[in-house]
Amino acid sequence: MADFEKTIQMYVFEETLDDTFGLLKGRKLTDVINKEHENVKYLKGHKLPENIHAEPDLVTACKDADYLVFVLPHQFIGKALDSLVGKIKPTAVSMSLVKGLYNPEKNNMRLLSTVITEKLKTPCGVLMGANVANEVAEGAFCETTIAFQDENHGEVFKKLLQTPDFRVNVIKDAKNAELCGALKVLCRRNLIERVLIGSLVGALPVHVVEYCGLRCWDM
């Protein structure tokens, strides 16, 4: 894509591979990704594009970026954001793929996109859908929703991510899209499954069902 830098910096938490990885034992995960172009620990069997560079230092990976994509377990997002405060471009735009809610204080539950904007002072949208990493990597047809209050930002990310096998829809309703992503996590943990797989599902608007990724239940 002529509009974007060729090399994509990807932050990877550094790990040393153990003896379960055979001949790769003792090598750093980032070294394996950069030389073998495969994340042998978390996405085994799928080659990554050669323009992806695994970087073990979060600030180094993000400091020159115009567009930031957050894909971390939600419990680590606060620490990651704190390390980036004052270290990124003031014009950067963020997008979160993290599903969950932020509530380390136990009494102040917030959307993760809101926390990203508060800490980094960047606009932040979300990408939510019923997708599994292995299916996307295998080229199975997948759909997702990108939501930004400023849809122009969403269109940029759509240009970056959409392929013939990965269909992207852009909307403005970022808060509800993110809430539905968090709801999907709860469903997977069976915390509210009895409520949803019953009378409530039939009453949910189709777009809410899609945001939540509940089509996997063949309703």
N, C-alpha and C. Protein backbone atom coordinates (compact mmCIF):
# COMPACT_ATOMS: atom_id res chain seq x y z
N MET A 1 0.84 -1.20 0.00
CA MET A 1 0.00 0.00 0.00
C MET A 1 0.88 1.25 0.00
N ALA A 2 0.75 2.06 -1.01
CA ALA A 2 1.61 3.22 -1.15
C ALA A 2 1.38 4.25 -0.05
N ASP A 3 0.20 4.26 0.56
CA ASP A 3 -0.13 5.25 1.57
C ASP A 3 0.48 4.94 2.94
N PHE A 4 1.04 3.76 3.11
CA PHE A 4 1.52 3.33 4.42
C PHE A 4 2.96 2.87 4.37
N GLU A 5 3.62 2.96 5.53
CA GLU A 5 4.96 2.43 5.65
C GLU A 5 4.94 0.91 5.40
N LYS A 6 5.99 0.40 4.77
CA LYS A 6 6.02 -1.03 4.46
C LYS A 6 6.21 -1.88 5.72
N THR A 7 7.09 -1.45 6.61
CA THR A 7 7.40 -2.25 7.79
C THR A 7 6.40 -1.97 8.92
N ILE A 8 5.86 -3.04 9.49
CA ILE A 8 4.93 -2.94 10.61
C ILE A 8 5.64 -3.37 11.88
N GLN A 9 5.72 -2.45 12.84
CA GLN A 9 6.34 -2.77 14.12
C GLN A 9 5.30 -3.44 15.02
N MET A 10 5.61 -4.62 15.51
CA MET A 10 4.71 -5.38 16.36
C MET A 10 5.37 -5.65 17.71
N TYR A 11 4.81 -5.08 18.77
CA TYR A 11 5.36 -5.35 20.10
C TYR A 11 5.06 -6.80 20.48
N VAL A 12 6.11 -7.49 20.94
CA VAL A 12 5.98 -8.87 21.40
C VAL A 12 6.66 -8.98 22.76
N PHE A 13 5.93 -9.44 23.76
CA PHE A 13 6.53 -9.67 25.07
C PHE A 13 7.61 -10.73 24.91
N GLU A 14 8.82 -10.39 25.31
CA GLU A 14 9.95 -11.28 25.06
C GLU A 14 9.90 -12.53 25.93
N GLU A 15 10.10 -13.66 25.28
CA GLU A 15 10.15 -14.94 25.97
C GLU A 15 11.27 -15.78 25.37
N THR A 16 11.87 -16.63 26.19
CA THR A 16 12.85 -17.59 25.72
C THR A 16 12.16 -18.93 25.57
N LEU A 17 12.27 -19.53 24.40
CA LEU A 17 11.57 -20.78 24.12
C LEU A 17 12.21 -21.93 24.90
N ASP A 18 11.36 -22.80 25.45
CA ASP A 18 11.86 -23.91 26.27
C ASP A 18 12.04 -25.17 25.43
N ASP A 19 12.30 -26.29 26.08
CA ASP A 19 12.64 -27.51 25.35
C ASP A 19 11.46 -28.13 24.62
N THR A 20 10.25 -27.64 24.85
CA THR A 20 9.10 -28.14 24.09
C THR A 20 9.12 -27.67 22.64
N PHE A 21 10.01 -26.71 22.32
CA PHE A 21 10.12 -26.19 20.96
C PHE A 21 11.27 -26.82 20.18
N GLY A 22 11.80 -27.90 20.69
CA GLY A 22 12.81 -28.67 19.96
C GLY A 22 14.04 -27.86 19.63
N LEU A 23 14.38 -27.80 18.34
CA LEU A 23 15.60 -27.13 17.89
C LEU A 23 15.57 -25.62 18.15
N LEU A 24 14.40 -25.09 18.45
CA LEU A 24 14.28 -23.66 18.73
C LEU A 24 14.53 -23.34 20.21
N LYS A 25 14.76 -24.35 21.00
CA LYS A 25 15.00 -24.16 22.43
C LYS A 25 16.11 -23.14 22.67
N GLY A 26 15.84 -22.19 23.59
CA GLY A 26 16.82 -21.20 23.96
C GLY A 26 16.79 -19.93 23.14
N ARG A 27 16.07 -19.94 22.03
CA ARG A 27 15.99 -18.74 21.20
C ARG A 27 14.90 -17.80 21.71
N LYS A 28 15.09 -16.51 21.47
CA LYS A 28 14.10 -15.50 21.83
C LYS A 28 12.94 -15.56 20.85
N LEU A 29 11.74 -15.38 21.38
CA LEU A 29 10.55 -15.44 20.53
C LEU A 29 10.61 -14.39 19.43
N THR A 30 11.05 -13.18 19.75
CA THR A 30 11.12 -12.12 18.73
C THR A 30 12.12 -12.50 17.63
N ASP A 31 13.22 -13.13 18.00
CA ASP A 31 14.22 -13.55 17.01
C ASP A 31 13.62 -14.57 16.05
N VAL A 32 12.85 -15.51 16.60
CA VAL A 32 12.23 -16.53 15.75
C VAL A 32 11.21 -15.89 14.81
N ILE A 33 10.41 -14.97 15.33
CA ILE A 33 9.42 -14.31 14.48
C ILE A 33 10.09 -13.54 13.36
N ASN A 34 11.16 -12.83 13.67
CA ASN A 34 11.82 -12.00 12.66
C ASN A 34 12.59 -12.80 11.62
N LYS A 35 13.09 -13.98 12.01
CA LYS A 35 13.89 -14.77 11.08
C LYS A 35 13.10 -15.90 10.41
N GLU A 36 12.19 -16.50 11.16
CA GLU A 36 11.40 -17.61 10.61
C GLU A 36 10.02 -17.14 10.14
N HIS A 37 9.65 -15.94 10.52
CA HIS A 37 8.36 -15.35 10.15
C HIS A 37 7.19 -16.22 10.60
N GLU A 38 7.29 -16.67 11.85
CA GLU A 38 6.22 -17.46 12.44
C GLU A 38 6.24 -17.25 13.95
N ASN A 39 5.06 -17.01 14.52
CA ASN A 39 4.94 -16.96 15.97
C ASN A 39 4.69 -18.40 16.43
N VAL A 40 5.78 -19.11 16.70
CA VAL A 40 5.69 -20.55 16.96
C VAL A 40 4.99 -20.88 18.27
N LYS A 41 4.84 -19.90 19.14
CA LYS A 41 4.19 -20.14 20.43
C LYS A 41 2.70 -19.84 20.41
N TYR A 42 2.30 -18.76 19.77
CA TYR A 42 0.91 -18.33 19.86
C TYR A 42 0.13 -18.42 18.55
N LEU A 43 0.80 -18.67 17.43
CA LEU A 43 0.11 -18.84 16.15
C LEU A 43 0.89 -19.84 15.30
N LYS A 44 1.12 -20.98 15.88
CA LYS A 44 1.95 -22.01 15.25
C LYS A 44 1.35 -22.50 13.94
N GLY A 45 2.23 -22.67 12.96
CA GLY A 45 1.80 -23.23 11.68
C GLY A 45 1.36 -22.21 10.66
N HIS A 46 1.43 -20.92 11.01
CA HIS A 46 0.99 -19.87 10.09
C HIS A 46 2.13 -18.88 9.85
N LYS A 47 2.53 -18.73 8.61
CA LYS A 47 3.60 -17.80 8.27
C LYS A 47 3.08 -16.36 8.35
N LEU A 48 3.90 -15.49 8.91
CA LEU A 48 3.57 -14.07 8.98
C LEU A 48 4.22 -13.35 7.82
N PRO A 49 3.63 -12.25 7.36
CA PRO A 49 4.26 -11.45 6.30
C PRO A 49 5.65 -11.00 6.73
N GLU A 50 6.57 -10.95 5.77
CA GLU A 50 7.95 -10.62 6.09
C GLU A 50 8.15 -9.16 6.47
N ASN A 51 7.13 -8.33 6.24
CA ASN A 51 7.27 -6.92 6.62
C ASN A 51 6.87 -6.65 8.07
N ILE A 52 6.52 -7.70 8.81
CA ILE A 52 6.23 -7.55 10.23
C ILE A 52 7.51 -7.74 11.02
N HIS A 53 7.82 -6.75 11.86
CA HIS A 53 9.03 -6.83 12.69
C HIS A 53 8.64 -6.91 14.15
N ALA A 54 9.02 -7.99 14.81
CA ALA A 54 8.73 -8.19 16.23
C ALA A 54 9.71 -7.38 17.07
N GLU A 55 9.17 -6.53 17.93
CA GLU A 55 9.98 -5.63 18.75
C GLU A 55 9.68 -5.85 20.23
N PRO A 56 10.69 -6.21 21.04
CA PRO A 56 10.42 -6.50 22.45
C PRO A 56 10.26 -5.28 23.34
N ASP A 57 10.57 -4.10 22.82
CA ASP A 57 10.42 -2.87 23.61
C ASP A 57 9.18 -2.12 23.14
N LEU A 58 8.22 -1.95 24.04
CA LEU A 58 6.94 -1.36 23.65
C LEU A 58 7.09 0.07 23.15
N VAL A 59 7.88 0.88 23.83
CA VAL A 59 8.04 2.27 23.42
C VAL A 59 8.69 2.35 22.04
N THR A 60 9.72 1.56 21.81
CA THR A 60 10.37 1.54 20.51
C THR A 60 9.39 1.16 19.41
N ALA A 61 8.54 0.20 19.69
CA ALA A 61 7.57 -0.25 18.69
C ALA A 61 6.54 0.82 18.35
N CYS A 62 6.22 1.70 19.31
CA CYS A 62 5.10 2.62 19.14
C CYS A 62 5.48 4.08 18.89
N LYS A 63 6.70 4.48 19.20
CA LYS A 63 7.03 5.90 19.28
C LYS A 63 6.86 6.65 17.97
N ASP A 64 7.07 6.01 16.84
CA ASP A 64 6.97 6.70 15.55
C ASP A 64 5.68 6.38 14.80
N ALA A 65 4.78 5.66 15.42
CA ALA A 65 3.58 5.18 14.73
C ALA A 65 2.54 6.28 14.59
N ASP A 66 1.89 6.30 13.44
CA ASP A 66 0.73 7.17 13.23
C ASP A 66 -0.56 6.46 13.62
N TYR A 67 -0.54 5.13 13.56
CA TYR A 67 -1.72 4.33 13.91
C TYR A 67 -1.29 3.20 14.84
N LEU A 68 -1.98 3.12 15.97
CA LEU A 68 -1.66 2.11 16.99
C LEU A 68 -2.83 1.13 17.11
N VAL A 69 -2.51 -0.15 17.15
CA VAL A 69 -3.53 -1.18 17.32
C VAL A 69 -3.20 -1.96 18.59
N PHE A 70 -4.12 -1.96 19.54
CA PHE A 70 -3.91 -2.64 20.81
C PHE A 70 -4.59 -4.01 20.80
N VAL A 71 -3.77 -5.06 21.00
CA VAL A 71 -4.28 -6.43 21.05
C VAL A 71 -3.59 -7.12 22.23
N LEU A 72 -3.99 -6.75 23.43
CA LEU A 72 -3.39 -7.28 24.65
C LEU A 72 -4.48 -7.88 25.53
N PRO A 73 -4.15 -8.86 26.37
CA PRO A 73 -5.11 -9.25 27.41
C PRO A 73 -5.47 -8.02 28.25
N HIS A 74 -6.74 -7.86 28.56
CA HIS A 74 -7.19 -6.61 29.18
C HIS A 74 -6.50 -6.31 30.51
N GLN A 75 -6.03 -7.35 31.21
CA GLN A 75 -5.40 -7.11 32.50
C GLN A 75 -4.03 -6.44 32.38
N PHE A 76 -3.46 -6.43 31.18
CA PHE A 76 -2.14 -5.83 30.97
C PHE A 76 -2.21 -4.44 30.33
N ILE A 77 -3.40 -4.00 29.95
CA ILE A 77 -3.51 -2.78 29.17
C ILE A 77 -3.10 -1.55 29.97
N GLY A 78 -3.42 -1.50 31.26
CA GLY A 78 -3.10 -0.33 32.07
C GLY A 78 -1.60 -0.09 32.16
N LYS A 79 -0.84 -1.13 32.46
CA LYS A 79 0.61 -1.01 32.55
C LYS A 79 1.22 -0.61 31.22
N ALA A 80 0.71 -1.19 30.14
CA ALA A 80 1.23 -0.86 28.81
C ALA A 80 0.99 0.61 28.48
N LEU A 81 -0.20 1.09 28.77
CA LEU A 81 -0.52 2.49 28.48
C LEU A 81 0.34 3.44 29.31
N ASP A 82 0.54 3.10 30.58
CA ASP A 82 1.35 3.97 31.44
C ASP A 82 2.77 4.13 30.88
N SER A 83 3.31 3.08 30.29
CA SER A 83 4.67 3.16 29.75
C SER A 83 4.73 3.98 28.46
N LEU A 84 3.57 4.22 27.84
CA LEU A 84 3.55 4.97 26.58
C LEU A 84 3.20 6.44 26.75
N VAL A 85 2.79 6.83 27.94
CA VAL A 85 2.38 8.23 28.16
C VAL A 85 3.54 9.17 27.84
N GLY A 86 3.29 10.12 26.94
CA GLY A 86 4.31 11.09 26.54
C GLY A 86 5.35 10.55 25.58
N LYS A 87 5.18 9.30 25.11
CA LYS A 87 6.21 8.68 24.26
C LYS A 87 5.74 8.46 22.83
N ILE A 88 4.50 8.82 22.49
CA ILE A 88 4.01 8.58 21.14
C ILE A 88 3.68 9.91 20.46
N LYS A 89 3.44 9.85 19.16
CA LYS A 89 3.10 11.05 18.41
C LYS A 89 1.79 11.65 18.92
N PRO A 90 1.71 12.95 19.08
CA PRO A 90 0.46 13.57 19.54
C PRO A 90 -0.66 13.45 18.52
N THR A 91 -0.31 13.15 17.27
CA THR A 91 -1.31 13.01 16.21
C THR A 91 -1.72 11.56 15.99
N ALA A 92 -1.21 10.64 16.79
CA ALA A 92 -1.49 9.22 16.59
C ALA A 92 -2.98 8.91 16.81
N VAL A 93 -3.44 7.88 16.14
CA VAL A 93 -4.81 7.39 16.29
C VAL A 93 -4.73 5.94 16.75
N SER A 94 -5.54 5.58 17.73
CA SER A 94 -5.51 4.24 18.31
C SER A 94 -6.76 3.45 17.97
N MET A 95 -6.61 2.14 17.93
CA MET A 95 -7.75 1.24 17.80
C MET A 95 -7.52 0.04 18.72
N SER A 96 -8.56 -0.35 19.44
CA SER A 96 -8.46 -1.45 20.39
C SER A 96 -9.21 -2.68 19.88
N LEU A 97 -8.53 -3.84 19.97
CA LEU A 97 -9.17 -5.12 19.71
C LEU A 97 -9.40 -5.88 21.01
N VAL A 98 -9.12 -5.21 22.13
CA VAL A 98 -9.18 -5.85 23.44
C VAL A 98 -10.64 -5.96 23.88
N LYS A 99 -11.04 -7.16 24.27
CA LYS A 99 -12.41 -7.37 24.73
C LYS A 99 -12.41 -7.48 26.26
N GLY A 100 -13.24 -6.67 26.86
CA GLY A 100 -13.32 -6.65 28.31
C GLY A 100 -13.56 -5.23 28.79
N LEU A 101 -13.57 -5.06 30.09
CA LEU A 101 -13.77 -3.75 30.69
C LEU A 101 -12.61 -3.47 31.66
N TYR A 102 -12.35 -2.20 31.90
CA TYR A 102 -11.22 -1.77 32.74
C TYR A 102 -11.74 -1.38 34.10
N ASN A 103 -11.29 -2.11 35.13
CA ASN A 103 -11.80 -1.82 36.46
C ASN A 103 -10.80 -2.25 37.53
N PRO A 104 -9.53 -1.76 37.45
CA PRO A 104 -8.55 -2.18 38.45
C PRO A 104 -8.89 -1.69 39.86
N GLU A 105 -9.64 -0.59 39.95
CA GLU A 105 -9.99 -0.04 41.26
C GLU A 105 -11.16 -0.79 41.89
N LYS A 106 -11.83 -1.65 41.10
CA LYS A 106 -12.98 -2.43 41.56
C LYS A 106 -14.24 -1.60 41.81
N ASN A 107 -14.19 -0.32 41.49
CA ASN A 107 -15.37 0.51 41.71
C ASN A 107 -15.54 1.58 40.62
N ASN A 108 -14.84 1.41 39.49
CA ASN A 108 -14.89 2.44 38.44
C ASN A 108 -14.75 1.77 37.08
N MET A 109 -15.73 0.99 36.68
CA MET A 109 -15.67 0.23 35.44
C MET A 109 -15.76 1.16 34.23
N ARG A 110 -14.81 0.97 33.28
CA ARG A 110 -14.75 1.84 32.10
C ARG A 110 -14.48 1.02 30.84
N LEU A 111 -14.85 1.61 29.71
CA LEU A 111 -14.49 1.01 28.42
C LEU A 111 -12.99 1.16 28.21
N LEU A 112 -12.37 0.16 27.62
CA LEU A 112 -10.93 0.22 27.39
C LEU A 112 -10.56 1.32 26.42
N SER A 113 -11.40 1.58 25.43
CA SER A 113 -11.10 2.66 24.48
C SER A 113 -11.10 4.01 25.19
N THR A 114 -11.97 4.16 26.20
CA THR A 114 -12.00 5.39 26.98
C THR A 114 -10.71 5.56 27.77
N VAL A 115 -10.22 4.47 28.33
CA VAL A 115 -8.97 4.51 29.10
C VAL A 115 -7.79 4.84 28.19
N ILE A 116 -7.77 4.27 26.99
CA ILE A 116 -6.69 4.57 26.04
C ILE A 116 -6.69 6.05 25.69
N THR A 117 -7.86 6.61 25.44
CA THR A 117 -7.95 8.04 25.11
C THR A 117 -7.54 8.90 26.30
N GLU A 118 -7.96 8.52 27.50
CA GLU A 118 -7.61 9.31 28.69
C GLU A 118 -6.10 9.33 28.93
N LYS A 119 -5.46 8.18 28.77
CA LYS A 119 -4.04 8.09 29.09
C LYS A 119 -3.15 8.62 27.96
N LEU A 120 -3.48 8.32 26.73
CA LEU A 120 -2.60 8.67 25.61
C LEU A 120 -3.02 9.94 24.88
N LYS A 121 -4.22 10.43 25.19
CA LYS A 121 -4.74 11.65 24.55
C LYS A 121 -4.88 11.46 23.04
N THR A 122 -5.23 10.26 22.62
CA THR A 122 -5.45 9.98 21.21
C THR A 122 -6.90 9.56 21.00
N PRO A 123 -7.47 9.84 19.84
CA PRO A 123 -8.78 9.25 19.55
C PRO A 123 -8.62 7.74 19.47
N CYS A 124 -9.64 7.02 19.91
CA CYS A 124 -9.55 5.56 19.92
C CYS A 124 -10.88 4.94 19.52
N GLY A 125 -10.82 4.06 18.55
CA GLY A 125 -11.98 3.27 18.15
C GLY A 125 -11.75 1.82 18.50
N VAL A 126 -12.64 0.96 18.00
CA VAL A 126 -12.54 -0.47 18.34
C VAL A 126 -12.78 -1.32 17.10
N LEU A 127 -12.26 -2.53 17.14
CA LEU A 127 -12.57 -3.57 16.16
C LEU A 127 -13.16 -4.72 16.92
N MET A 128 -14.38 -5.11 16.57
CA MET A 128 -15.07 -6.19 17.28
C MET A 128 -15.73 -7.11 16.27
N GLY A 129 -15.64 -8.42 16.53
CA GLY A 129 -16.28 -9.39 15.65
C GLY A 129 -16.12 -10.79 16.19
N ALA A 130 -16.82 -11.73 15.58
CA ALA A 130 -16.80 -13.12 16.02
C ALA A 130 -15.69 -13.88 15.29
N ASN A 131 -14.46 -13.42 15.46
CA ASN A 131 -13.35 -14.00 14.71
C ASN A 131 -12.36 -14.69 15.64
N VAL A 132 -11.78 -15.77 15.16
CA VAL A 132 -10.74 -16.50 15.87
C VAL A 132 -9.45 -16.35 15.07
N ALA A 133 -8.34 -16.09 15.74
CA ALA A 133 -7.08 -15.81 15.06
C ALA A 133 -6.70 -16.89 14.07
N ASN A 134 -6.86 -18.15 14.44
CA ASN A 134 -6.48 -19.23 13.54
C ASN A 134 -7.30 -19.22 12.25
N GLU A 135 -8.58 -18.89 12.36
CA GLU A 135 -9.43 -18.85 11.17
C GLU A 135 -9.02 -17.71 10.24
N VAL A 136 -8.70 -16.56 10.82
CA VAL A 136 -8.24 -15.43 10.01
C VAL A 136 -6.93 -15.79 9.32
N ALA A 137 -6.01 -16.40 10.07
CA ALA A 137 -4.71 -16.77 9.51
C ALA A 137 -4.83 -17.81 8.41
N GLU A 138 -5.83 -18.68 8.51
CA GLU A 138 -6.02 -19.72 7.50
C GLU A 138 -6.71 -19.20 6.25
N GLY A 139 -7.17 -17.95 6.28
CA GLY A 139 -7.83 -17.38 5.12
C GLY A 139 -9.31 -17.73 5.04
N ALA A 140 -9.89 -18.22 6.13
CA ALA A 140 -11.33 -18.46 6.15
C ALA A 140 -12.05 -17.12 6.06
N PHE A 141 -13.22 -17.12 5.44
CA PHE A 141 -13.94 -15.85 5.31
C PHE A 141 -14.41 -15.38 6.68
N CYS A 142 -14.06 -14.15 7.03
CA CYS A 142 -14.41 -13.56 8.32
C CYS A 142 -14.96 -12.16 8.12
N GLU A 143 -15.77 -11.73 9.06
CA GLU A 143 -16.32 -10.37 9.05
C GLU A 143 -16.02 -9.70 10.38
N THR A 144 -15.87 -8.38 10.33
CA THR A 144 -15.64 -7.64 11.56
C THR A 144 -16.22 -6.24 11.44
N THR A 145 -16.36 -5.59 12.58
CA THR A 145 -16.88 -4.23 12.63
C THR A 145 -15.83 -3.32 13.25
N ILE A 146 -15.50 -2.24 12.55
CA ILE A 146 -14.65 -1.18 13.10
C ILE A 146 -15.56 -0.01 13.44
N ALA A 147 -15.41 0.50 14.66
CA ALA A 147 -16.27 1.59 15.11
C ALA A 147 -15.43 2.75 15.62
N PHE A 148 -15.66 3.92 15.05
CA PHE A 148 -14.99 5.16 15.45
C PHE A 148 -16.03 6.28 15.45
N GLN A 149 -15.91 7.15 16.43
CA GLN A 149 -16.77 8.33 16.42
C GLN A 149 -16.52 9.15 15.15
N ASP A 150 -15.27 9.25 14.74
CA ASP A 150 -14.90 9.86 13.47
C ASP A 150 -14.71 8.73 12.47
N GLU A 151 -15.68 8.54 11.60
CA GLU A 151 -15.63 7.41 10.69
C GLU A 151 -14.45 7.49 9.71
N ASN A 152 -13.88 8.67 9.52
CA ASN A 152 -12.71 8.78 8.65
C ASN A 152 -11.54 7.95 9.19
N HIS A 153 -11.39 7.93 10.52
CA HIS A 153 -10.35 7.09 11.12
C HIS A 153 -10.66 5.62 10.84
N GLY A 154 -11.92 5.26 10.96
CA GLY A 154 -12.30 3.88 10.69
C GLY A 154 -12.01 3.46 9.26
N GLU A 155 -12.21 4.37 8.34
CA GLU A 155 -11.95 4.05 6.93
C GLU A 155 -10.46 3.80 6.68
N VAL A 156 -9.60 4.51 7.41
CA VAL A 156 -8.16 4.28 7.27
C VAL A 156 -7.81 2.86 7.72
N PHE A 157 -8.33 2.47 8.87
CA PHE A 157 -8.06 1.12 9.36
C PHE A 157 -8.69 0.06 8.46
N LYS A 158 -9.84 0.37 7.88
CA LYS A 158 -10.45 -0.56 6.92
C LYS A 158 -9.53 -0.77 5.72
N LYS A 159 -8.94 0.31 5.24
CA LYS A 159 -8.02 0.20 4.10
C LYS A 159 -6.81 -0.66 4.46
N LEU A 160 -6.37 -0.55 5.70
CA LEU A 160 -5.23 -1.34 6.17
C LEU A 160 -5.56 -2.82 6.30
N LEU A 161 -6.78 -3.14 6.72
CA LEU A 161 -7.08 -4.50 7.15
C LEU A 161 -7.94 -5.31 6.20
N GLN A 162 -8.79 -4.69 5.41
CA GLN A 162 -9.73 -5.47 4.60
C GLN A 162 -9.03 -6.21 3.47
N THR A 163 -9.39 -7.47 3.31
CA THR A 163 -8.90 -8.32 2.23
C THR A 163 -10.11 -9.04 1.63
N PRO A 164 -9.93 -9.77 0.54
CA PRO A 164 -11.06 -10.55 0.00
C PRO A 164 -11.64 -11.55 0.99
N ASP A 165 -10.83 -11.99 1.97
CA ASP A 165 -11.29 -12.97 2.95
C ASP A 165 -11.68 -12.36 4.28
N PHE A 166 -11.46 -11.04 4.43
CA PHE A 166 -11.70 -10.38 5.71
C PHE A 166 -12.50 -9.11 5.45
N ARG A 167 -13.80 -9.21 5.64
CA ARG A 167 -14.71 -8.12 5.32
C ARG A 167 -14.85 -7.18 6.51
N VAL A 168 -14.71 -5.89 6.27
CA VAL A 168 -14.76 -4.88 7.33
C VAL A 168 -15.93 -3.94 7.10
N ASN A 169 -16.70 -3.71 8.14
CA ASN A 169 -17.78 -2.74 8.11
C ASN A 169 -17.44 -1.62 9.10
N VAL A 170 -17.60 -0.36 8.69
CA VAL A 170 -17.25 0.78 9.54
C VAL A 170 -18.53 1.46 10.02
N ILE A 171 -18.62 1.69 11.32
CA ILE A 171 -19.77 2.39 11.91
C ILE A 171 -19.26 3.45 12.89
N LYS A 172 -20.19 4.27 13.40
CA LYS A 172 -19.83 5.32 14.35
C LYS A 172 -20.08 4.92 15.81
N ASP A 173 -20.88 3.92 16.04
CA ASP A 173 -21.34 3.59 17.40
C ASP A 173 -20.27 2.79 18.15
N ALA A 174 -19.16 3.45 18.49
CA ALA A 174 -18.02 2.76 19.08
C ALA A 174 -18.33 2.21 20.47
N LYS A 175 -19.05 2.97 21.27
CA LYS A 175 -19.29 2.54 22.65
C LYS A 175 -20.12 1.26 22.70
N ASN A 176 -21.20 1.21 21.92
CA ASN A 176 -22.02 0.01 21.94
C ASN A 176 -21.31 -1.17 21.30
N ALA A 177 -20.52 -0.93 20.27
CA ALA A 177 -19.76 -2.01 19.66
C ALA A 177 -18.79 -2.62 20.67
N GLU A 178 -18.13 -1.76 21.46
CA GLU A 178 -17.19 -2.26 22.45
C GLU A 178 -17.91 -2.99 23.59
N LEU A 179 -19.04 -2.45 24.01
CA LEU A 179 -19.81 -3.12 25.05
C LEU A 179 -20.25 -4.51 24.61
N CYS A 180 -20.62 -4.63 23.35
CA CYS A 180 -21.04 -5.93 22.85
C CYS A 180 -19.86 -6.89 22.78
N GLY A 181 -18.67 -6.37 22.48
CA GLY A 181 -17.49 -7.21 22.51
C GLY A 181 -17.22 -7.74 23.91
N ALA A 182 -17.39 -6.88 24.90
CA ALA A 182 -17.23 -7.30 26.29
C ALA A 182 -18.30 -8.32 26.68
N LEU A 183 -19.50 -8.12 26.18
CA LEU A 183 -20.60 -9.05 26.45
C LEU A 183 -20.28 -10.44 25.90
N LYS A 184 -19.64 -10.47 24.74
CA LYS A 184 -19.28 -11.76 24.15
C LYS A 184 -18.33 -12.53 25.06
N VAL A 185 -17.39 -11.81 25.69
CA VAL A 185 -16.46 -12.46 26.61
C VAL A 185 -17.23 -13.09 27.77
N LEU A 186 -18.21 -12.36 28.28
CA LEU A 186 -19.02 -12.90 29.37
C LEU A 186 -19.78 -14.14 28.94
N CYS A 187 -20.29 -14.10 27.70
CA CYS A 187 -21.02 -15.26 27.19
C CYS A 187 -20.12 -16.48 27.13
N ARG A 188 -18.90 -16.26 26.64
CA ARG A 188 -17.97 -17.38 26.51
C ARG A 188 -17.63 -17.99 27.86
N ARG A 189 -17.67 -17.17 28.89
CA ARG A 189 -17.37 -17.67 30.23
C ARG A 189 -18.61 -18.25 30.92
N ASN A 190 -19.71 -18.29 30.16
CA ASN A 190 -20.95 -18.90 30.66
C ASN A 190 -21.55 -18.16 31.85
N LEU A 191 -21.21 -16.87 32.00
CA LEU A 191 -21.75 -16.12 33.12
C LEU A 191 -23.19 -15.67 32.88
N ILE A 192 -23.52 -15.44 31.60
CA ILE A 192 -24.88 -15.00 31.32
C ILE A 192 -25.49 -15.82 30.19
N GLU A 193 -24.94 -16.99 29.94
CA GLU A 193 -25.39 -17.82 28.83
C GLU A 193 -26.87 -18.16 28.96
N ARG A 194 -27.34 -18.47 30.18
CA ARG A 194 -28.73 -18.86 30.35
C ARG A 194 -29.68 -17.72 30.01
N VAL A 195 -29.23 -16.50 30.24
CA VAL A 195 -30.08 -15.35 29.93
C VAL A 195 -30.14 -15.12 28.44
N LEU A 196 -28.97 -15.20 27.78
CA LEU A 196 -28.92 -14.88 26.36
C LEU A 196 -29.53 -15.97 25.49
N ILE A 197 -29.22 -17.23 25.78
CA ILE A 197 -29.74 -18.31 24.93
C ILE A 197 -31.13 -18.64 25.44
N GLY A 198 -32.02 -17.77 25.15
CA GLY A 198 -33.40 -17.89 25.60
C GLY A 198 -34.19 -16.73 25.05
N SER A 199 -35.03 -16.15 25.88
CA SER A 199 -35.94 -15.12 25.41
C SER A 199 -35.22 -13.85 24.98
N LEU A 200 -34.07 -13.52 25.61
CA LEU A 200 -33.42 -12.25 25.32
C LEU A 200 -32.86 -12.21 23.92
N VAL A 201 -32.28 -13.32 23.44
CA VAL A 201 -31.67 -13.32 22.11
C VAL A 201 -32.68 -12.95 21.05
N GLY A 202 -33.88 -13.47 21.16
CA GLY A 202 -34.88 -13.17 20.16
C GLY A 202 -35.27 -11.71 20.13
N ALA A 203 -35.03 -11.00 21.22
CA ALA A 203 -35.39 -9.59 21.29
C ALA A 203 -34.25 -8.66 20.90
N LEU A 204 -33.04 -9.21 20.73
CA LEU A 204 -31.91 -8.36 20.40
C LEU A 204 -31.95 -7.95 18.94
N PRO A 205 -31.69 -6.67 18.63
CA PRO A 205 -31.59 -6.26 17.24
C PRO A 205 -30.48 -7.04 16.55
N VAL A 206 -30.64 -7.25 15.24
CA VAL A 206 -29.66 -8.04 14.49
C VAL A 206 -28.26 -7.47 14.61
N HIS A 207 -28.13 -6.11 14.55
CA HIS A 207 -26.80 -5.53 14.59
C HIS A 207 -26.13 -5.76 15.94
N VAL A 208 -26.91 -5.84 17.02
CA VAL A 208 -26.33 -6.13 18.33
C VAL A 208 -25.83 -7.57 18.36
N VAL A 209 -26.61 -8.48 17.81
CA VAL A 209 -26.20 -9.88 17.76
C VAL A 209 -24.90 -10.02 16.97
N GLU A 210 -24.77 -9.29 15.86
CA GLU A 210 -23.56 -9.35 15.05
C GLU A 210 -22.37 -8.79 15.82
N TYR A 211 -22.53 -7.64 16.48
CA TYR A 211 -21.44 -7.05 17.24
C TYR A 211 -20.92 -8.02 18.30
N CYS A 212 -21.85 -8.72 18.94
CA CYS A 212 -21.48 -9.63 20.01
C CYS A 212 -20.83 -10.90 19.50
N GLY A 213 -20.98 -11.18 18.21
CA GLY A 213 -20.44 -12.42 17.69
C GLY A 213 -21.27 -13.62 18.08
N LEU A 214 -22.58 -13.42 18.25
CA LEU A 214 -23.42 -14.50 18.71
C LEU A 214 -23.95 -15.37 17.58
N ARG A 215 -23.57 -15.06 16.34
CA ARG A 215 -24.03 -15.87 15.23
C ARG A 215 -23.48 -17.29 15.30
N CYS A 216 -22.45 -17.50 16.11
CA CYS A 216 -21.89 -18.83 16.24
C CYS A 216 -22.89 -19.80 16.85
N TRP A 217 -24.00 -19.26 17.42
CA TRP A 217 -25.03 -20.12 17.97
C TRP A 217 -26.17 -20.38 16.98
N ASP A 218 -25.95 -19.99 15.72
CA ASP A 218 -26.88 -20.30 14.64
C ASP A 218 -28.32 -19.89 14.94
N MET A 219 -28.50 -18.64 15.32
CA MET A 219 -29.84 -18.18 15.63
C MET A 219 -30.55 -17.79 14.35
